[in-house]
Amino acid sequence: DEEDLVTAHRRQVEETVDIVREEMNLLFQADQPGNQLDDYISKLDTILSQKAAGIYQLQAQLAQFQRRLNEYNIFSSSGD
């Protein structure tokens, strides 16, 4: 479980780096003359949704890991 959590965290960091690149590109495009505000807003909304979903998934996996760890600690301490 710990390895899965670390792997998920690593994947989330890599996805965050990719998203930051997308955001930098989007900001560059937004600074260009004649930029379409509707397109910018749509792309920004998509990016923010991706970020939120990734964070939510990692938080859910972390919470599940914490529950299992707590259960393990309860069971192992009750066996003493």
PDB file of N, CA and C in Angstrom:
ATOM      1  N   ASP A   1       0.820  -1.209   0.000  1.00  0.00           N
ATOM      2  CA  ASP A   1       0.000   0.000   0.000  1.00  0.00           C
ATOM      3  C   ASP A   1       0.859   1.267   0.000  1.00  0.00           C
ATOM      4  N   GLU A   2       1.939   1.226   0.764  1.00  0.00           N
ATOM      5  CA  GLU A   2       2.816   2.392   0.825  1.00  0.00           C
ATOM      6  C   GLU A   2       3.434   2.674  -0.544  1.00  0.00           C
ATOM      7  N   GLU A   3       3.864   1.623  -1.207  1.00  0.00           N
ATOM      8  CA  GLU A   3       4.458   1.779  -2.539  1.00  0.00           C
ATOM      9  C   GLU A   3       3.439   2.340  -3.528  1.00  0.00           C
ATOM     10  N   ASP A   4       2.196   1.882  -3.433  1.00  0.00           N
ATOM     11  CA  ASP A   4       1.132   2.392  -4.308  1.00  0.00           C
ATOM     12  C   ASP A   4       0.887   3.871  -4.055  1.00  0.00           C
ATOM     13  N   LEU A   5       0.927   4.265  -2.781  1.00  0.00           N
ATOM     14  CA  LEU A   5       0.717   5.672  -2.432  1.00  0.00           C
ATOM     15  C   LEU A   5       1.847   6.531  -2.986  1.00  0.00           C
ATOM     16  N   VAL A   6       3.079   6.078  -2.823  1.00  0.00           N
ATOM     17  CA  VAL A   6       4.231   6.835  -3.333  1.00  0.00           C
ATOM     18  C   VAL A   6       4.167   6.924  -4.857  1.00  0.00           C
ATOM     19  N   THR A   7       3.796   5.838  -5.493  1.00  0.00           N
ATOM     20  CA  THR A   7       3.661   5.835  -6.952  1.00  0.00           C
ATOM     21  C   THR A   7       2.574   6.810  -7.396  1.00  0.00           C
ATOM     22  N   ALA A   8       1.451   6.804  -6.694  1.00  0.00           N
ATOM     23  CA  ALA A   8       0.355   7.726  -7.026  1.00  0.00           C
ATOM     24  C   ALA A   8       0.791   9.168  -6.825  1.00  0.00           C
ATOM     25  N   HIS A   9       1.551   9.418  -5.771  1.00  0.00           N
ATOM     26  CA  HIS A   9       2.029  10.776  -5.508  1.00  0.00           C
ATOM     27  C   HIS A   9       2.990  11.215  -6.613  1.00  0.00           C
ATOM     28  N   ARG A  10       3.887  10.312  -6.988  1.00  0.00           N
ATOM     29  CA  ARG A  10       4.837  10.617  -8.064  1.00  0.00           C
ATOM     30  C   ARG A  10       4.090  10.941  -9.363  1.00  0.00           C
ATOM     31  N   ARG A  11       3.089  10.119  -9.677  1.00  0.00           N
ATOM     32  CA  ARG A  11       2.297  10.330 -10.889  1.00  0.00           C
ATOM     33  C   ARG A  11       1.575  11.684 -10.817  1.00  0.00           C
ATOM     34  N   GLN A  12       1.059  12.028  -9.632  1.00  0.00           N
ATOM     35  CA  GLN A  12       0.370  13.307  -9.473  1.00  0.00           C
ATOM     36  C   GLN A  12       1.330  14.475  -9.685  1.00  0.00           C
ATOM     37  N   VAL A  13       2.544  14.361  -9.176  1.00  0.00           N
ATOM     38  CA  VAL A  13       3.539  15.419  -9.368  1.00  0.00           C
ATOM     39  C   VAL A  13       3.870  15.572 -10.852  1.00  0.00           C
ATOM     40  N   GLU A  14       4.046  14.446 -11.539  1.00  0.00           N
ATOM     41  CA  GLU A  14       4.332  14.492 -12.976  1.00  0.00           C
ATOM     42  C   GLU A  14       3.179  15.128 -13.747  1.00  0.00           C
ATOM     43  N   GLU A  15       1.953  14.768 -13.372  1.00  0.00           N
ATOM     44  CA  GLU A  15       0.785  15.372 -14.023  1.00  0.00           C
ATOM     45  C   GLU A  15       0.717  16.870 -13.725  1.00  0.00           C
ATOM     46  N   THR A  16       1.076  17.252 -12.509  1.00  0.00           N
ATOM     47  CA  THR A  16       1.069  18.669 -12.140  1.00  0.00           C
ATOM     48  C   THR A  16       2.069  19.444 -12.986  1.00  0.00           C
ATOM     49  N   VAL A  17       3.236  18.862 -13.213  1.00  0.00           N
ATOM     50  CA  VAL A  17       4.244  19.514 -14.059  1.00  0.00           C
ATOM     51  C   VAL A  17       3.693  19.702 -15.471  1.00  0.00           C
ATOM     52  N   ASP A  18       3.038  18.661 -15.999  1.00  0.00           N
ATOM     53  CA  ASP A  18       2.436  18.773 -17.333  1.00  0.00           C
ATOM     54  C   ASP A  18       1.363  19.859 -17.361  1.00  0.00           C
ATOM     55  N   ILE A  19       0.568  19.910 -16.312  1.00  0.00           N
ATOM     56  CA  ILE A  19      -0.498  20.913 -16.248  1.00  0.00           C
ATOM     57  C   ILE A  19       0.093  22.312 -16.161  1.00  0.00           C
ATOM     58  N   VAL A  20       1.157  22.481 -15.394  1.00  0.00           N
ATOM     59  CA  VAL A  20       1.800  23.798 -15.292  1.00  0.00           C
ATOM     60  C   VAL A  20       2.310  24.235 -16.665  1.00  0.00           C
ATOM     61  N   ARG A  21       2.834  23.283 -17.424  1.00  0.00           N
ATOM     62  CA  ARG A  21       3.273  23.623 -18.794  1.00  0.00           C
ATOM     63  C   ARG A  21       2.077  24.091 -19.635  1.00  0.00           C
ATOM     64  N   GLU A  22       0.962  23.390 -19.494  1.00  0.00           N
ATOM     65  CA  GLU A  22      -0.250  23.801 -20.221  1.00  0.00           C
ATOM     66  C   GLU A  22      -0.676  25.200 -19.790  1.00  0.00           C
ATOM     67  N   GLU A  23      -0.612  25.457 -18.494  1.00  0.00           N
ATOM     68  CA  GLU A  23      -0.999  26.779 -17.984  1.00  0.00           C
ATOM     69  C   GLU A  23      -0.072  27.867 -18.502  1.00  0.00           C
ATOM     70  N   MET A  24       1.222  27.589 -18.539  1.00  0.00           N
ATOM     71  CA  MET A  24       2.170  28.569 -19.064  1.00  0.00           C
ATOM     72  C   MET A  24       1.867  28.874 -20.529  1.00  0.00           C
ATOM     73  N   ASN A  25       1.569  27.845 -21.297  1.00  0.00           N
ATOM     74  CA  ASN A  25       1.212  28.019 -22.702  1.00  0.00           C
ATOM     75  C   ASN A  25      -0.081  28.821 -22.828  1.00  0.00           C
ATOM     76  N   LEU A  26      -1.046  28.494 -21.989  1.00  0.00           N
ATOM     77  CA  LEU A  26      -2.324  29.207 -22.018  1.00  0.00           C
ATOM     78  C   LEU A  26      -2.123  30.685 -21.686  1.00  0.00           C
ATOM     79  N   LEU A  27      -1.291  30.958 -20.687  1.00  0.00           N
ATOM     80  CA  LEU A  27      -1.015  32.358 -20.341  1.00  0.00           C
ATOM     81  C   LEU A  27      -0.286  33.082 -21.469  1.00  0.00           C
ATOM     82  N   PHE A  28       0.639  32.383 -22.112  1.00  0.00           N
ATOM     83  CA  PHE A  28       1.335  32.974 -23.258  1.00  0.00           C
ATOM     84  C   PHE A  28       0.324  33.331 -24.343  1.00  0.00           C
ATOM     85  N   GLN A  29      -0.590  32.397 -24.632  1.00  0.00           N
ATOM     86  CA  GLN A  29      -1.615  32.642 -25.647  1.00  0.00           C
ATOM     87  C   GLN A  29      -2.524  33.800 -25.240  1.00  0.00           C
ATOM     88  N   ALA A  30      -2.831  33.881 -23.941  1.00  0.00           N
ATOM     89  CA  ALA A  30      -3.719  34.943 -23.455  1.00  0.00           C
ATOM     90  C   ALA A  30      -3.092  36.318 -23.631  1.00  0.00           C
ATOM     91  N   ASP A  31      -1.777  36.361 -23.587  1.00  0.00           N
ATOM     92  CA  ASP A  31      -1.076  37.646 -23.740  1.00  0.00           C
ATOM     93  C   ASP A  31      -0.955  38.091 -25.193  1.00  0.00           C
ATOM     94  N   GLN A  32      -1.302  37.217 -26.136  1.00  0.00           N
ATOM     95  CA  GLN A  32      -1.170  37.546 -27.553  1.00  0.00           C
ATOM     96  C   GLN A  32      -2.332  38.429 -28.000  1.00  0.00           C
ATOM     97  N   PRO A  33      -2.055  39.366 -28.887  1.00  0.00           N
ATOM     98  CA  PRO A  33      -3.133  40.208 -29.412  1.00  0.00           C
ATOM     99  C   PRO A  33      -4.180  39.360 -30.132  1.00  0.00           C
ATOM    100  N   GLY A  34      -5.408  39.703 -29.946  1.00  0.00           N
ATOM    101  CA  GLY A  34      -6.497  39.011 -30.620  1.00  0.00           C
ATOM    102  C   GLY A  34      -6.893  37.704 -29.956  1.00  0.00           C
ATOM    103  N   ASN A  35      -6.402  37.473 -28.757  1.00  0.00           N
ATOM    104  CA  ASN A  35      -6.748  36.241 -28.040  1.00  0.00           C
ATOM    105  C   ASN A  35      -8.253  36.185 -27.791  1.00  0.00           C
ATOM    106  N   GLN A  36      -8.807  35.011 -27.967  1.00  0.00           N
ATOM    107  CA  GLN A  36     -10.233  34.813 -27.740  1.00  0.00           C
ATOM    108  C   GLN A  36     -10.480  34.489 -26.260  1.00  0.00           C
ATOM    109  N   LEU A  37     -11.174  35.381 -25.575  1.00  0.00           N
ATOM    110  CA  LEU A  37     -11.432  35.213 -24.144  1.00  0.00           C
ATOM    111  C   LEU A  37     -12.231  33.946 -23.861  1.00  0.00           C
ATOM    112  N   ASP A  38     -13.200  33.621 -24.724  1.00  0.00           N
ATOM    113  CA  ASP A  38     -14.007  32.415 -24.520  1.00  0.00           C
ATOM    114  C   ASP A  38     -13.144  31.163 -24.538  1.00  0.00           C
ATOM    115  N   ASP A  39     -12.185  31.107 -25.463  1.00  0.00           N
ATOM    116  CA  ASP A  39     -11.285  29.962 -25.565  1.00  0.00           C
ATOM    117  C   ASP A  39     -10.409  29.866 -24.312  1.00  0.00           C
ATOM    118  N   TYR A  40      -9.901  30.996 -23.867  1.00  0.00           N
ATOM    119  CA  TYR A  40      -9.074  31.045 -22.658  1.00  0.00           C
ATOM    120  C   TYR A  40      -9.851  30.530 -21.454  1.00  0.00           C
ATOM    121  N   ILE A  41     -11.058  31.020 -21.284  1.00  0.00           N
ATOM    122  CA  ILE A  41     -11.892  30.623 -20.147  1.00  0.00           C
ATOM    123  C   ILE A  41     -12.189  29.130 -20.185  1.00  0.00           C
ATOM    124  N   SER A  42     -12.510  28.620 -21.345  1.00  0.00           N
ATOM    125  CA  SER A  42     -12.814  27.202 -21.502  1.00  0.00           C
ATOM    126  C   SER A  42     -11.607  26.334 -21.153  1.00  0.00           C
ATOM    127  N   LYS A  43     -10.452  26.703 -21.673  1.00  0.00           N
ATOM    128  CA  LYS A  43      -9.237  25.933 -21.409  1.00  0.00           C
ATOM    129  C   LYS A  43      -8.833  26.028 -19.940  1.00  0.00           C
ATOM    130  N   LEU A  44      -8.964  27.198 -19.358  1.00  0.00           N
ATOM    131  CA  LEU A  44      -8.639  27.375 -17.946  1.00  0.00           C
ATOM    132  C   LEU A  44      -9.557  26.528 -17.074  1.00  0.00           C
ATOM    133  N   ASP A  45     -10.824  26.492 -17.406  1.00  0.00           N
ATOM    134  CA  ASP A  45     -11.776  25.673 -16.660  1.00  0.00           C
ATOM    135  C   ASP A  45     -11.391  24.197 -16.726  1.00  0.00           C
ATOM    136  N   THR A  46     -10.999  23.738 -17.903  1.00  0.00           N
ATOM    137  CA  THR A  46     -10.578  22.346 -18.076  1.00  0.00           C
ATOM    138  C   THR A  46      -9.337  22.051 -17.240  1.00  0.00           C
ATOM    139  N   ILE A  47      -8.379  22.932 -17.286  1.00  0.00           N
ATOM    140  CA  ILE A  47      -7.137  22.751 -16.522  1.00  0.00           C
ATOM    141  C   ILE A  47      -7.430  22.710 -15.025  1.00  0.00           C
ATOM    142  N   LEU A  48      -8.243  23.628 -14.546  1.00  0.00           N
ATOM    143  CA  LEU A  48      -8.561  23.652 -13.119  1.00  0.00           C
ATOM    144  C   LEU A  48      -9.298  22.389 -12.692  1.00  0.00           C
ATOM    145  N   SER A  49     -10.160  21.879 -13.555  1.00  0.00           N
ATOM    146  CA  SER A  49     -10.865  20.625 -13.258  1.00  0.00           C
ATOM    147  C   SER A  49      -9.888  19.457 -13.178  1.00  0.00           C
ATOM    148  N   GLN A  50      -8.914  19.433 -14.094  1.00  0.00           N
ATOM    149  CA  GLN A  50      -7.896  18.373 -14.067  1.00  0.00           C
ATOM    150  C   GLN A  50      -7.096  18.425 -12.775  1.00  0.00           C
ATOM    151  N   LYS A  51      -6.704  19.623 -12.377  1.00  0.00           N
ATOM    152  CA  LYS A  51      -5.932  19.780 -11.146  1.00  0.00           C
ATOM    153  C   LYS A  51      -6.737  19.305  -9.940  1.00  0.00           C
ATOM    154  N   ALA A  52      -7.978  19.738  -9.865  1.00  0.00           N
ATOM    155  CA  ALA A  52      -8.827  19.370  -8.732  1.00  0.00           C
ATOM    156  C   ALA A  52      -9.058  17.866  -8.674  1.00  0.00           C
ATOM    157  N   ALA A  53      -9.305  17.249  -9.823  1.00  0.00           N
ATOM    158  CA  ALA A  53      -9.551  15.806  -9.864  1.00  0.00           C
ATOM    159  C   ALA A  53      -8.311  15.037  -9.424  1.00  0.00           C
ATOM    160  N   GLY A  54      -7.154  15.456  -9.874  1.00  0.00           N
ATOM    161  CA  GLY A  54      -5.916  14.784  -9.486  1.00  0.00           C
ATOM    162  C   GLY A  54      -5.654  14.884  -8.000  1.00  0.00           C
ATOM    163  N   ILE A  55      -5.864  16.054  -7.438  1.00  0.00           N
ATOM    164  CA  ILE A  55      -5.676  16.251  -6.001  1.00  0.00           C
ATOM    165  C   ILE A  55      -6.686  15.423  -5.216  1.00  0.00           C
ATOM    166  N   TYR A  56      -7.921  15.423  -5.662  1.00  0.00           N
ATOM    167  CA  TYR A  56      -8.966  14.648  -4.984  1.00  0.00           C
ATOM    168  C   TYR A  56      -8.624  13.158  -4.968  1.00  0.00           C
ATOM    169  N   GLN A  57      -8.177  12.634  -6.098  1.00  0.00           N
ATOM    170  CA  GLN A  57      -7.832  11.213  -6.178  1.00  0.00           C
ATOM    171  C   GLN A  57      -6.683  10.873  -5.239  1.00  0.00           C
ATOM    172  N   LEU A  58      -5.668  11.714  -5.204  1.00  0.00           N
ATOM    173  CA  LEU A  58      -4.532  11.464  -4.323  1.00  0.00           C
ATOM    174  C   LEU A  58      -4.955  11.570  -2.858  1.00  0.00           C
ATOM    175  N   GLN A  59      -5.793  12.541  -2.535  1.00  0.00           N
ATOM    176  CA  GLN A  59      -6.276  12.670  -1.159  1.00  0.00           C
ATOM    177  C   GLN A  59      -7.093  11.453  -0.737  1.00  0.00           C
ATOM    178  N   ALA A  60      -7.903  10.924  -1.644  1.00  0.00           N
ATOM    179  CA  ALA A  60      -8.704   9.738  -1.342  1.00  0.00           C
ATOM    180  C   ALA A  60      -7.799   8.542  -1.089  1.00  0.00           C
ATOM    181  N   GLN A  61      -6.767   8.393  -1.909  1.00  0.00           N
ATOM    182  CA  GLN A  61      -5.846   7.282  -1.728  1.00  0.00           C
ATOM    183  C   GLN A  61      -5.069   7.442  -0.418  1.00  0.00           C
ATOM    184  N   LEU A  62      -4.687   8.652  -0.085  1.00  0.00           N
ATOM    185  CA  LEU A  62      -3.992   8.921   1.172  1.00  0.00           C
ATOM    186  C   LEU A  62      -4.887   8.611   2.366  1.00  0.00           C
ATOM    187  N   ALA A  63      -6.135   9.021   2.300  1.00  0.00           N
ATOM    188  CA  ALA A  63      -7.076   8.753   3.393  1.00  0.00           C
ATOM    189  C   ALA A  63      -7.271   7.253   3.588  1.00  0.00           C
ATOM    190  N   GLN A  64      -7.360   6.522   2.492  1.00  0.00           N
ATOM    191  CA  GLN A  64      -7.517   5.065   2.574  1.00  0.00           C
ATOM    192  C   GLN A  64      -6.263   4.445   3.208  1.00  0.00           C
ATOM    193  N   PHE A  65      -5.106   4.917   2.812  1.00  0.00           N
ATOM    194  CA  PHE A  65      -3.860   4.416   3.393  1.00  0.00           C
ATOM    195  C   PHE A  65      -3.809   4.714   4.894  1.00  0.00           C
ATOM    196  N   GLN A  66      -4.203   5.911   5.283  1.00  0.00           N
ATOM    197  CA  GLN A  66      -4.199   6.291   6.701  1.00  0.00           C
ATOM    198  C   GLN A  66      -5.155   5.415   7.507  1.00  0.00           C
ATOM    199  N   ARG A  67      -6.328   5.125   6.951  1.00  0.00           N
ATOM    200  CA  ARG A  67      -7.286   4.250   7.647  1.00  0.00           C
ATOM    201  C   ARG A  67      -6.692   2.866   7.857  1.00  0.00           C
ATOM    202  N   ARG A  68      -6.081   2.322   6.826  1.00  0.00           N
ATOM    203  CA  ARG A  68      -5.467   0.996   6.938  1.00  0.00           C
ATOM    204  C   ARG A  68      -4.331   1.006   7.948  1.00  0.00           C
ATOM    205  N   LEU A  69      -3.534   2.065   7.941  1.00  0.00           N
ATOM    206  CA  LEU A  69      -2.433   2.176   8.881  1.00  0.00           C
ATOM    207  C   LEU A  69      -2.959   2.248  10.309  1.00  0.00           C
ATOM    208  N   ASN A  70      -4.004   3.029  10.520  1.00  0.00           N
ATOM    209  CA  ASN A  70      -4.611   3.129  11.853  1.00  0.00           C
ATOM    210  C   ASN A  70      -5.173   1.788  12.299  1.00  0.00           C
ATOM    211  N   GLU A  71      -5.841   1.083  11.398  1.00  0.00           N
ATOM    212  CA  GLU A  71      -6.373  -0.237  11.724  1.00  0.00           C
ATOM    213  C   GLU A  71      -5.246  -1.193  12.093  1.00  0.00           C
ATOM    214  N   TYR A  72      -4.170  -1.153  11.332  1.00  0.00           N
ATOM    215  CA  TYR A  72      -3.025  -2.005  11.616  1.00  0.00           C
ATOM    216  C   TYR A  72      -2.446  -1.692  12.991  1.00  0.00           C
ATOM    217  N   ASN A  73      -2.316  -0.394  13.287  1.00  0.00           N
ATOM    218  CA  ASN A  73      -1.768   0.023  14.586  1.00  0.00           C
ATOM    219  C   ASN A  73      -2.675  -0.406  15.740  1.00  0.00           C
ATOM    220  N   ILE A  74      -3.983  -0.313  15.533  1.00  0.00           N
ATOM    221  CA  ILE A  74      -4.930  -0.747  16.583  1.00  0.00           C
ATOM    222  C   ILE A  74      -4.806  -2.240  16.807  1.00  0.00           C
ATOM    223  N   PHE A  75      -4.781  -3.000  15.719  1.00  0.00           N
ATOM    224  CA  PHE A  75      -4.698  -4.457  15.844  1.00  0.00           C
ATOM    225  C   PHE A  75      -3.355  -4.894  16.433  1.00  0.00           C
ATOM    226  N   SER A  76      -2.279  -4.255  16.016  1.00  0.00           N
ATOM    227  CA  SER A  76      -0.969  -4.677  16.497  1.00  0.00           C
ATOM    228  C   SER A  76      -0.763  -4.279  17.955  1.00  0.00           C
ATOM    229  N   SER A  77      -1.346  -3.150  18.381  1.00  0.00           N
ATOM    230  CA  SER A  77      -1.195  -2.744  19.783  1.00  0.00           C
ATOM    231  C   SER A  77      -2.121  -3.538  20.704  1.00  0.00           C
ATOM    232  N   SER A  78      -3.232  -4.054  20.192  1.00  0.00           N
ATOM    233  CA  SER A  78      -4.137  -4.857  21.021  1.00  0.00           C
ATOM    234  C   SER A  78      -3.601  -6.258  21.217  1.00  0.00           C
ATOM    235  N   GLY A  79      -2.632  -6.666  20.420  1.00  0.00           N
ATOM    236  CA  GLY A  79      -2.032  -7.986  20.546  1.00  0.00           C
ATOM    237  C   GLY A  79      -0.925  -8.023  21.585  1.00  0.00           C
ATOM    238  N   ASP A  80      -0.533  -6.862  22.124  1.00  0.00           N
ATOM    239  CA  ASP A  80       0.548  -6.810  23.123  1.00  0.00           C
ATOM    240  C   ASP A  80       0.143  -7.353  24.446  1.00  0.00           C
TER     241      ASP A  80
END
